Amino acid sequence: WLPNDPRGSRSREIRCASIEALGELHYGPRRVQPAGR
């Protein structure tokens, strides 16, 4: 459950540069949750 988890998170910033490229930050749960894949 990283800060930029596709489901959304409670994080407001990404402090680790190595994971920043994995996806955008979304505060709170996304209204439409992503597929398990």
PDB file of all heavy atoms in Angstrom:
ATOM      1  N   TRP A   1       0.846  -1.203   0.000  1.00  0.00           N
ATOM      2  CA  TRP A   1       0.000   0.000   0.000  1.00  0.00           C
ATOM      3  C   TRP A   1       0.883   1.255   0.000  1.00  0.00           C
ATOM      4  O   TRP A   1       0.925   2.026   0.947  1.00  0.00           O
ATOM      5  CB  TRP A   1      -0.990   0.030   1.156  1.00  0.00           C
ATOM      6  CG  TRP A   1      -2.255   0.731   0.718  1.00  0.00           C
ATOM      7  CD1 TRP A   1      -2.377   2.054   0.364  1.00  0.00           C
ATOM      8  CD2 TRP A   1      -3.530   0.153   0.502  1.00  0.00           C
ATOM      9  NE1 TRP A   1      -3.655   2.333  -0.048  1.00  0.00           N
ATOM     10  CE2 TRP A   1      -4.396   1.171   0.026  1.00  0.00           C
ATOM     11  CE3 TRP A   1      -4.046  -1.134   0.666  1.00  0.00           C
ATOM     12  CZ2 TRP A   1      -5.728   0.946  -0.281  1.00  0.00           C
ATOM     13  CZ3 TRP A   1      -5.376  -1.358   0.358  1.00  0.00           C
ATOM     14  CH2 TRP A   1      -6.203  -0.318  -0.104  1.00  0.00           C
ATOM     15  N   LEU A   2       1.566   1.403  -1.120  1.00  0.00           N
ATOM     16  CA  LEU A   2       2.460   2.539  -1.300  1.00  0.00           C
ATOM     17  C   LEU A   2       1.655   3.831  -1.507  1.00  0.00           C
ATOM     18  O   LEU A   2       0.454   3.781  -1.782  1.00  0.00           O
ATOM     19  CB  LEU A   2       3.363   2.276  -2.510  1.00  0.00           C
ATOM     20  CG  LEU A   2       4.338   1.105  -2.329  1.00  0.00           C
ATOM     21  CD1 LEU A   2       5.017   0.775  -3.649  1.00  0.00           C
ATOM     22  CD2 LEU A   2       5.372   1.411  -1.253  1.00  0.00           C
ATOM     23  N   PRO A   3       2.297   5.001  -1.383  1.00  0.00           N
ATOM     24  CA  PRO A   3       1.568   6.273  -1.517  1.00  0.00           C
ATOM     25  C   PRO A   3       0.796   6.398  -2.826  1.00  0.00           C
ATOM     26  O   PRO A   3      -0.285   6.988  -2.855  1.00  0.00           O
ATOM     27  CB  PRO A   3       2.681   7.320  -1.414  1.00  0.00           C
ATOM     28  CG  PRO A   3       3.751   6.657  -0.618  1.00  0.00           C
ATOM     29  CD  PRO A   3       3.707   5.203  -1.010  1.00  0.00           C
ATOM     30  N   ASN A   4       1.359   5.844  -3.919  1.00  0.00           N
ATOM     31  CA  ASN A   4       0.686   5.943  -5.214  1.00  0.00           C
ATOM     32  C   ASN A   4       0.017   4.637  -5.624  1.00  0.00           C
ATOM     33  O   ASN A   4      -0.107   4.330  -6.810  1.00  0.00           O
ATOM     34  CB  ASN A   4       1.658   6.419  -6.302  1.00  0.00           C
ATOM     35  CG  ASN A   4       2.979   5.662  -6.289  1.00  0.00           C
ATOM     36  OD1 ASN A   4       3.245   4.863  -5.402  1.00  0.00           O
ATOM     37  ND2 ASN A   4       3.810   5.926  -7.276  1.00  0.00           N
ATOM     38  N   ASP A   5      -0.443   3.893  -4.623  1.00  0.00           N
ATOM     39  CA  ASP A   5      -1.216   2.673  -4.878  1.00  0.00           C
ATOM     40  C   ASP A   5      -2.407   3.020  -5.792  1.00  0.00           C
ATOM     41  O   ASP A   5      -3.058   4.053  -5.601  1.00  0.00           O
ATOM     42  CB  ASP A   5      -1.721   2.118  -3.542  1.00  0.00           C
ATOM     43  CG  ASP A   5      -2.404   0.772  -3.680  1.00  0.00           C
ATOM     44  OD1 ASP A   5      -3.483   0.710  -4.296  1.00  0.00           O
ATOM     45  OD2 ASP A   5      -1.877  -0.221  -3.151  1.00  0.00           O
ATOM     46  N   PRO A   6      -2.704   2.190  -6.799  1.00  0.00           N
ATOM     47  CA  PRO A   6      -3.806   2.489  -7.732  1.00  0.00           C
ATOM     48  C   PRO A   6      -5.168   2.648  -7.049  1.00  0.00           C
ATOM     49  O   PRO A   6      -6.074   3.264  -7.611  1.00  0.00           O
ATOM     50  CB  PRO A   6      -3.811   1.278  -8.677  1.00  0.00           C
ATOM     51  CG  PRO A   6      -2.451   0.690  -8.567  1.00  0.00           C
ATOM     52  CD  PRO A   6      -1.993   0.957  -7.167  1.00  0.00           C
ATOM     53  N   ARG A   7      -5.322   2.091  -5.843  1.00  0.00           N
ATOM     54  CA  ARG A   7      -6.592   2.207  -5.135  1.00  0.00           C
ATOM     55  C   ARG A   7      -6.743   3.542  -4.428  1.00  0.00           C
ATOM     56  O   ARG A   7      -7.814   3.858  -3.893  1.00  0.00           O
ATOM     57  CB  ARG A   7      -6.715   1.067  -4.116  1.00  0.00           C
ATOM     58  CG  ARG A   7      -6.817  -0.301  -4.744  1.00  0.00           C
ATOM     59  CD  ARG A   7      -6.565  -1.411  -3.757  1.00  0.00           C
ATOM     60  NE  ARG A   7      -5.161  -1.464  -3.349  1.00  0.00           N
ATOM     61  CZ  ARG A   7      -4.639  -2.423  -2.592  1.00  0.00           C
ATOM     62  NH1 ARG A   7      -5.422  -3.399  -2.141  1.00  0.00           N
ATOM     63  NH2 ARG A   7      -3.360  -2.410  -2.277  1.00  0.00           N
ATOM     64  N   GLY A   8      -5.664   4.340  -4.386  1.00  0.00           N
ATOM     65  CA  GLY A   8      -5.651   5.568  -3.604  1.00  0.00           C
ATOM     66  C   GLY A   8      -5.021   5.308  -2.257  1.00  0.00           C
ATOM     67  O   GLY A   8      -4.853   4.161  -1.833  1.00  0.00           O
ATOM     68  N   SER A   9      -4.633   6.357  -1.559  1.00  0.00           N
ATOM     69  CA  SER A   9      -3.994   6.194  -0.259  1.00  0.00           C
ATOM     70  C   SER A   9      -4.242   7.429   0.591  1.00  0.00           C
ATOM     71  O   SER A   9      -4.852   8.397   0.137  1.00  0.00           O
ATOM     72  CB  SER A   9      -2.484   5.969  -0.421  1.00  0.00           C
ATOM     73  OG  SER A   9      -1.819   7.191  -0.715  1.00  0.00           O
ATOM     74  N   ARG A  10      -3.747   7.394   1.813  1.00  0.00           N
ATOM     75  CA  ARG A  10      -3.858   8.539   2.711  1.00  0.00           C
ATOM     76  C   ARG A  10      -2.599   9.396   2.688  1.00  0.00           C
ATOM     77  O   ARG A  10      -2.434  10.288   3.519  1.00  0.00           O
ATOM     78  CB  ARG A  10      -4.129   8.049   4.138  1.00  0.00           C
ATOM     79  CG  ARG A  10      -5.480   7.383   4.311  1.00  0.00           C
ATOM     80  CD  ARG A  10      -6.612   8.349   4.099  1.00  0.00           C
ATOM     81  NE  ARG A  10      -7.920   7.731   4.250  1.00  0.00           N
ATOM     82  CZ  ARG A  10      -9.074   8.364   4.022  1.00  0.00           C
ATOM     83  NH1 ARG A  10      -9.063   9.625   3.646  1.00  0.00           N
ATOM     84  NH2 ARG A  10     -10.222   7.736   4.161  1.00  0.00           N
ATOM     85  N   SER A  11      -1.717   9.134   1.758  1.00  0.00           N
ATOM     86  CA  SER A  11      -0.469   9.895   1.647  1.00  0.00           C
ATOM     87  C   SER A  11      -0.686  11.149   0.800  1.00  0.00           C
ATOM     88  O   SER A  11      -1.452  11.132  -0.165  1.00  0.00           O
ATOM     89  CB  SER A  11       0.627   9.031   1.015  1.00  0.00           C
ATOM     90  OG  SER A  11       0.898   7.903   1.818  1.00  0.00           O
ATOM     91  N   ARG A  12       0.003  12.204   1.161  1.00  0.00           N
ATOM     92  CA  ARG A  12      -0.085  13.458   0.415  1.00  0.00           C
ATOM     93  C   ARG A  12       1.186  13.755  -0.373  1.00  0.00           C
ATOM     94  O   ARG A  12       1.270  14.756  -1.083  1.00  0.00           O
ATOM     95  CB  ARG A  12      -0.397  14.615   1.358  1.00  0.00           C
ATOM     96  CG  ARG A  12      -1.780  14.495   2.013  1.00  0.00           C
ATOM     97  CD  ARG A  12      -2.150  15.754   2.752  1.00  0.00           C
ATOM     98  NE  ARG A  12      -3.454  15.664   3.384  1.00  0.00           N
ATOM     99  CZ  ARG A  12      -4.611  15.933   2.775  1.00  0.00           C
ATOM    100  NH1 ARG A  12      -4.619  16.288   1.505  1.00  0.00           N
ATOM    101  NH2 ARG A  12      -5.759  15.838   3.431  1.00  0.00           N
ATOM    102  N   GLU A  13       2.187  12.906  -0.228  1.00  0.00           N
ATOM    103  CA  GLU A  13       3.417  13.096  -0.982  1.00  0.00           C
ATOM    104  C   GLU A  13       4.127  11.758  -1.135  1.00  0.00           C
ATOM    105  O   GLU A  13       3.893  10.819  -0.377  1.00  0.00           O
ATOM    106  CB  GLU A  13       4.339  14.101  -0.290  1.00  0.00           C
ATOM    107  CG  GLU A  13       4.778  13.690   1.103  1.00  0.00           C
ATOM    108  CD  GLU A  13       5.693  14.706   1.738  1.00  0.00           C
ATOM    109  OE1 GLU A  13       6.475  15.348   0.998  1.00  0.00           O
ATOM    110  OE2 GLU A  13       5.654  14.866   2.963  1.00  0.00           O
ATOM    111  N   ILE A  14       4.986  11.671  -2.145  1.00  0.00           N
ATOM    112  CA  ILE A  14       5.823  10.493  -2.381  1.00  0.00           C
ATOM    113  C   ILE A  14       7.243  10.879  -2.018  1.00  0.00           C
ATOM    114  O   ILE A  14       7.839  11.748  -2.650  1.00  0.00           O
ATOM    115  CB  ILE A  14       5.738  10.033  -3.850  1.00  0.00           C
ATOM    116  CG1 ILE A  14       4.293   9.721  -4.225  1.00  0.00           C
ATOM    117  CG2 ILE A  14       6.627   8.817  -4.079  1.00  0.00           C
ATOM    118  CD1 ILE A  14       4.095   9.407  -5.699  1.00  0.00           C
ATOM    119  N   ARG A  15       7.774  10.253  -1.004  1.00  0.00           N
ATOM    120  CA  ARG A  15       9.093  10.627  -0.506  1.00  0.00           C
ATOM    121  C   ARG A  15      10.212   9.773  -1.095  1.00  0.00           C
ATOM    122  O   ARG A  15      11.382  10.078  -0.911  1.00  0.00           O
ATOM    123  CB  ARG A  15       9.121  10.521   1.019  1.00  0.00           C
ATOM    124  CG  ARG A  15       8.135  11.462   1.717  1.00  0.00           C
ATOM    125  CD  ARG A  15       8.211  11.321   3.219  1.00  0.00           C
ATOM    126  NE  ARG A  15       7.259  12.205   3.894  1.00  0.00           N
ATOM    127  CZ  ARG A  15       7.102  12.274   5.202  1.00  0.00           C
ATOM    128  NH1 ARG A  15       7.838  11.478   5.992  1.00  0.00           N
ATOM    129  NH2 ARG A  15       6.219  13.109   5.745  1.00  0.00           N
ATOM    130  N   CYS A  16       9.856   8.689  -1.763  1.00  0.00           N
ATOM    131  CA  CYS A  16      10.855   7.771  -2.320  1.00  0.00           C
ATOM    132  C   CYS A  16      10.898   7.953  -3.834  1.00  0.00           C
ATOM    133  O   CYS A  16       9.929   7.644  -4.534  1.00  0.00           O
ATOM    134  CB  CYS A  16      10.501   6.330  -1.958  1.00  0.00           C
ATOM    135  SG  CYS A  16      11.665   5.107  -2.593  1.00  0.00           S
ATOM    136  N   ALA A  17      12.009   8.445  -4.345  1.00  0.00           N
ATOM    137  CA  ALA A  17      12.123   8.732  -5.770  1.00  0.00           C
ATOM    138  C   ALA A  17      11.991   7.477  -6.625  1.00  0.00           C
ATOM    139  O   ALA A  17      11.491   7.534  -7.749  1.00  0.00           O
ATOM    140  CB  ALA A  17      13.461   9.425  -6.056  1.00  0.00           C
ATOM    141  N   SER A  18      12.404   6.341  -6.094  1.00  0.00           N
ATOM    142  CA  SER A  18      12.408   5.108  -6.890  1.00  0.00           C
ATOM    143  C   SER A  18      11.015   4.611  -7.232  1.00  0.00           C
ATOM    144  O   SER A  18      10.845   3.856  -8.191  1.00  0.00           O
ATOM    145  CB  SER A  18      13.184   4.009  -6.150  1.00  0.00           C
ATOM    146  OG  SER A  18      12.546   3.673  -4.932  1.00  0.00           O
ATOM    147  N   ILE A  19      10.008   5.018  -6.467  1.00  0.00           N
ATOM    148  CA  ILE A  19       8.650   4.545  -6.754  1.00  0.00           C
ATOM    149  C   ILE A  19       7.779   5.635  -7.395  1.00  0.00           C
ATOM    150  O   ILE A  19       6.636   5.373  -7.762  1.00  0.00           O
ATOM    151  CB  ILE A  19       7.950   4.013  -5.480  1.00  0.00           C
ATOM    152  CG1 ILE A  19       7.705   5.154  -4.481  1.00  0.00           C
ATOM    153  CG2 ILE A  19       8.731   2.889  -4.855  1.00  0.00           C
ATOM    154  CD1 ILE A  19       6.797   4.757  -3.332  1.00  0.00           C
ATOM    155  N   GLU A  20       8.336   6.832  -7.542  1.00  0.00           N
ATOM    156  CA  GLU A  20       7.536   7.952  -8.054  1.00  0.00           C
ATOM    157  C   GLU A  20       7.027   7.685  -9.465  1.00  0.00           C
ATOM    158  O   GLU A  20       5.926   8.103  -9.837  1.00  0.00           O
ATOM    159  CB  GLU A  20       8.368   9.231  -8.025  1.00  0.00           C
ATOM    160  CG  GLU A  20       7.555  10.486  -8.188  1.00  0.00           C
ATOM    161  CD  GLU A  20       8.342  11.724  -7.821  1.00  0.00           C
ATOM    162  OE1 GLU A  20       9.542  11.598  -7.508  1.00  0.00           O
ATOM    163  OE2 GLU A  20       7.753  12.822  -7.856  1.00  0.00           O
ATOM    164  N   ALA A  21       7.815   6.940 -10.253  1.00  0.00           N
ATOM    165  CA  ALA A  21       7.436   6.684 -11.638  1.00  0.00           C
ATOM    166  C   ALA A  21       6.364   5.605 -11.777  1.00  0.00           C
ATOM    167  O   ALA A  21       5.844   5.385 -12.876  1.00  0.00           O
ATOM    168  CB  ALA A  21       8.670   6.278 -12.445  1.00  0.00           C
ATOM    169  N   LEU A  22       5.993   4.956 -10.677  1.00  0.00           N
ATOM    170  CA  LEU A  22       5.026   3.857 -10.751  1.00  0.00           C
ATOM    171  C   LEU A  22       3.599   4.340 -10.990  1.00  0.00           C
ATOM    172  O   LEU A  22       2.753   3.574 -11.462  1.00  0.00           O
ATOM    173  CB  LEU A  22       5.066   3.030  -9.460  1.00  0.00           C
ATOM    174  CG  LEU A  22       6.380   2.319  -9.146  1.00  0.00           C
ATOM    175  CD1 LEU A  22       6.291   1.623  -7.793  1.00  0.00           C
ATOM    176  CD2 LEU A  22       6.714   1.310 -10.238  1.00  0.00           C
ATOM    177  N   GLY A  23       3.308   5.581 -10.643  1.00  0.00           N
ATOM    178  CA  GLY A  23       1.949   6.077 -10.835  1.00  0.00           C
ATOM    179  C   GLY A  23       1.734   7.369 -10.072  1.00  0.00           C
ATOM    180  O   GLY A  23       2.533   7.758  -9.215  1.00  0.00           O
ATOM    181  N   GLU A  24       0.635   8.029 -10.379  1.00  0.00           N
ATOM    182  CA  GLU A  24       0.340   9.305  -9.739  1.00  0.00           C
ATOM    183  C   GLU A  24      -0.248   9.107  -8.351  1.00  0.00           C
ATOM    184  O   GLU A  24      -0.812   8.055  -8.026  1.00  0.00           O
ATOM    185  CB  GLU A  24      -0.643  10.100 -10.597  1.00  0.00           C
ATOM    186  CG  GLU A  24      -2.009   9.441 -10.733  1.00  0.00           C
ATOM    187  CD  GLU A  24      -2.983  10.273 -11.540  1.00  0.00           C
ATOM    188  OE1 GLU A  24      -2.568  11.298 -12.111  1.00  0.00           O
ATOM    189  OE2 GLU A  24      -4.168   9.889 -11.605  1.00  0.00           O
ATOM    190  N   LEU A  25      -0.111  10.125  -7.544  1.00  0.00           N
ATOM    191  CA  LEU A  25      -0.651  10.119  -6.184  1.00  0.00           C
ATOM    192  C   LEU A  25      -2.134  10.466  -6.228  1.00  0.00           C
ATOM    193  O   LEU A  25      -2.542  11.386  -6.940  1.00  0.00           O
ATOM    194  CB  LEU A  25       0.112  11.136  -5.341  1.00  0.00           C
ATOM    195  CG  LEU A  25      -0.185  11.190  -3.846  1.00  0.00           C
ATOM    196  CD1 LEU A  25       0.345   9.950  -3.148  1.00  0.00           C
ATOM    197  CD2 LEU A  25       0.449  12.430  -3.235  1.00  0.00           C
ATOM    198  N   HIS A  26      -2.938   9.723  -5.481  1.00  0.00           N
ATOM    199  CA  HIS A  26      -4.368  10.025  -5.364  1.00  0.00           C
ATOM    200  C   HIS A  26      -4.739   9.927  -3.897  1.00  0.00           C
ATOM    201  O   HIS A  26      -4.728   8.834  -3.321  1.00  0.00           O
ATOM    202  CB  HIS A  26      -5.216   9.064  -6.193  1.00  0.00           C
ATOM    203  CG  HIS A  26      -6.677   9.416  -6.194  1.00  0.00           C
ATOM    204  ND1 HIS A  26      -7.522   9.095  -5.158  1.00  0.00           N
ATOM    205  CD2 HIS A  26      -7.426  10.085  -7.103  1.00  0.00           C
ATOM    206  CE1 HIS A  26      -8.745   9.532  -5.432  1.00  0.00           C
ATOM    207  NE2 HIS A  26      -8.717  10.138  -6.598  1.00  0.00           N
ATOM    208  N   TYR A  27      -5.063  11.064  -3.270  1.00  0.00           N
ATOM    209  CA  TYR A  27      -5.381  11.071  -1.845  1.00  0.00           C
ATOM    210  C   TYR A  27      -6.797  10.521  -1.629  1.00  0.00           C
ATOM    211  O   TYR A  27      -7.764  10.969  -2.252  1.00  0.00           O
ATOM    212  CB  TYR A  27      -5.292  12.477  -1.272  1.00  0.00           C
ATOM    213  CG  TYR A  27      -5.600  12.527   0.214  1.00  0.00           C
ATOM    214  CD1 TYR A  27      -4.675  12.102   1.153  1.00  0.00           C
ATOM    215  CD2 TYR A  27      -6.839  12.970   0.658  1.00  0.00           C
ATOM    216  CE1 TYR A  27      -4.955  12.121   2.505  1.00  0.00           C
ATOM    217  CE2 TYR A  27      -7.138  12.993   2.012  1.00  0.00           C
ATOM    218  CZ  TYR A  27      -6.193  12.562   2.927  1.00  0.00           C
ATOM    219  OH  TYR A  27      -6.487  12.572   4.267  1.00  0.00           O
ATOM    220  N   GLY A  28      -6.896   9.550  -0.741  1.00  0.00           N
ATOM    221  CA  GLY A  28      -8.182   8.929  -0.454  1.00  0.00           C
ATOM    222  C   GLY A  28      -8.494   7.813  -1.434  1.00  0.00           C
ATOM    223  O   GLY A  28      -7.852   7.684  -2.480  1.00  0.00           O
ATOM    224  N   PRO A  29      -9.494   6.992  -1.132  1.00  0.00           N
ATOM    225  CA  PRO A  29      -9.850   5.891  -2.034  1.00  0.00           C
ATOM    226  C   PRO A  29     -10.449   6.409  -3.339  1.00  0.00           C
ATOM    227  O   PRO A  29     -11.234   7.354  -3.338  1.00  0.00           O
ATOM    228  CB  PRO A  29     -10.882   5.092  -1.224  1.00  0.00           C
ATOM    229  CG  PRO A  29     -11.459   6.084  -0.264  1.00  0.00           C
ATOM    230  CD  PRO A  29     -10.351   7.022   0.079  1.00  0.00           C
ATOM    231  N   ARG A  30     -10.080   5.794  -4.434  1.00  0.00           N
ATOM    232  CA  ARG A  30     -10.649   6.169  -5.720  1.00  0.00           C
ATOM    233  C   ARG A  30     -12.119   5.756  -5.784  1.00  0.00           C
ATOM    234  O   ARG A  30     -12.495   4.709  -5.272  1.00  0.00           O
ATOM    235  CB  ARG A  30      -9.881   5.512  -6.860  1.00  0.00           C
ATOM    236  CG  ARG A  30      -8.465   6.054  -7.034  1.00  0.00           C
ATOM    237  CD  ARG A  30      -7.809   5.444  -8.255  1.00  0.00           C
ATOM    238  NE  ARG A  30      -6.442   5.931  -8.431  1.00  0.00           N
ATOM    239  CZ  ARG A  30      -6.105   7.050  -9.073  1.00  0.00           C
ATOM    240  NH1 ARG A  30      -7.058   7.806  -9.598  1.00  0.00           N
ATOM    241  NH2 ARG A  30      -4.840   7.411  -9.188  1.00  0.00           N
ATOM    242  N   ARG A  31     -12.905   6.579  -6.408  1.00  0.00           N
ATOM    243  CA  ARG A  31     -14.342   6.299  -6.507  1.00  0.00           C
ATOM    244  C   ARG A  31     -14.579   4.992  -7.264  1.00  0.00           C
ATOM    245  O   ARG A  31     -15.426   4.189  -6.890  1.00  0.00           O
ATOM    246  CB  ARG A  31     -15.060   7.454  -7.200  1.00  0.00           C
ATOM    247  CG  ARG A  31     -16.574   7.324  -7.217  1.00  0.00           C
ATOM    248  CD  ARG A  31     -17.225   8.555  -7.804  1.00  0.00           C
ATOM    249  NE  ARG A  31     -16.812   8.773  -9.179  1.00  0.00           N
ATOM    250  CZ  ARG A  31     -17.375   8.160 -10.237  1.00  0.00           C
ATOM    251  NH1 ARG A  31     -18.365   7.306 -10.047  1.00  0.00           N
ATOM    252  NH2 ARG A  31     -16.962   8.424 -11.460  1.00  0.00           N
ATOM    253  N   VAL A  32     -13.824   4.784  -8.338  1.00  0.00           N
ATOM    254  CA  VAL A  32     -13.884   3.528  -9.093  1.00  0.00           C
ATOM    255  C   VAL A  32     -12.591   2.769  -8.819  1.00  0.00           C
ATOM    256  O   VAL A  32     -11.507   3.240  -9.186  1.00  0.00           O
ATOM    257  CB  VAL A  32     -14.043   3.789 -10.606  1.00  0.00           C
ATOM    258  CG1 VAL A  32     -14.047   2.463 -11.361  1.00  0.00           C
ATOM    259  CG2 VAL A  32     -15.319   4.581 -10.880  1.00  0.00           C
ATOM    260  N   GLN A  33     -12.710   1.646  -8.155  1.00  0.00           N
ATOM    261  CA  GLN A  33     -11.528   0.877  -7.778  1.00  0.00           C
ATOM    262  C   GLN A  33     -10.980   0.079  -8.964  1.00  0.00           C
ATOM    263  O   GLN A  33     -11.750  -0.434  -9.781  1.00  0.00           O
ATOM    264  CB  GLN A  33     -11.875  -0.063  -6.632  1.00  0.00           C
ATOM    265  CG  GLN A  33     -12.049   0.632  -5.295  1.00  0.00           C
ATOM    266  CD  GLN A  33     -10.729   1.179  -4.770  1.00  0.00           C
ATOM    267  OE1 GLN A  33      -9.814   0.424  -4.444  1.00  0.00           O
ATOM    268  NE2 GLN A  33     -10.622   2.500  -4.691  1.00  0.00           N
ATOM    269  N   PRO A  34      -9.649  -0.017  -9.066  1.00  0.00           N
ATOM    270  CA  PRO A  34      -9.041  -0.733 -10.202  1.00  0.00           C
ATOM    271  C   PRO A  34      -9.234  -2.240 -10.081  1.00  0.00           C
ATOM    272  O   PRO A  34      -9.487  -2.772  -9.005  1.00  0.00           O
ATOM    273  CB  PRO A  34      -7.563  -0.354 -10.084  1.00  0.00           C
ATOM    274  CG  PRO A  34      -7.368  -0.077  -8.631  1.00  0.00           C
ATOM    275  CD  PRO A  34      -8.646   0.546  -8.158  1.00  0.00           C
ATOM    276  N   ALA A  35      -9.080  -2.904 -11.206  1.00  0.00           N
ATOM    277  CA  ALA A  35      -9.165  -4.366 -11.236  1.00  0.00           C
ATOM    278  C   ALA A  35      -7.969  -4.965 -10.501  1.00  0.00           C
ATOM    279  O   ALA A  35      -6.912  -4.336 -10.370  1.00  0.00           O
ATOM    280  CB  ALA A  35      -9.189  -4.850 -12.681  1.00  0.00           C
ATOM    281  N   GLY A  36      -8.144  -6.190 -10.028  1.00  0.00           N
ATOM    282  CA  GLY A  36      -7.062  -6.871  -9.327  1.00  0.00           C
ATOM    283  C   GLY A  36      -5.806  -6.979 -10.161  1.00  0.00           C
ATOM    284  O   GLY A  36      -4.685  -6.904  -9.636  1.00  0.00           O
ATOM    285  N   ARG A  37      -5.953  -7.144 -11.478  1.00  0.00           N
ATOM    286  CA  ARG A  37      -4.805  -7.244 -12.366  1.00  0.00           C
ATOM    287  C   ARG A  37      -3.958  -5.977 -12.300  1.00  0.00           C
ATOM    288  O   ARG A  37      -2.721  -6.049 -12.303  1.00  0.00           O
ATOM    289  CB  ARG A  37      -5.298  -7.481 -13.792  1.00  0.00           C
ATOM    290  CG  ARG A  37      -4.210  -7.391 -14.860  1.00  0.00           C
ATOM    291  CD  ARG A  37      -4.808  -7.495 -16.253  1.00  0.00           C
ATOM    292  NE  ARG A  37      -5.858  -6.513 -16.456  1.00  0.00           N
ATOM    293  CZ  ARG A  37      -5.634  -5.234 -16.758  1.00  0.00           C
ATOM    294  NH1 ARG A  37      -4.382  -4.776 -16.865  1.00  0.00           N
ATOM    295  NH2 ARG A  37      -6.650  -4.398 -16.955  1.00  0.00           N
TER     296      ARG A  37
END
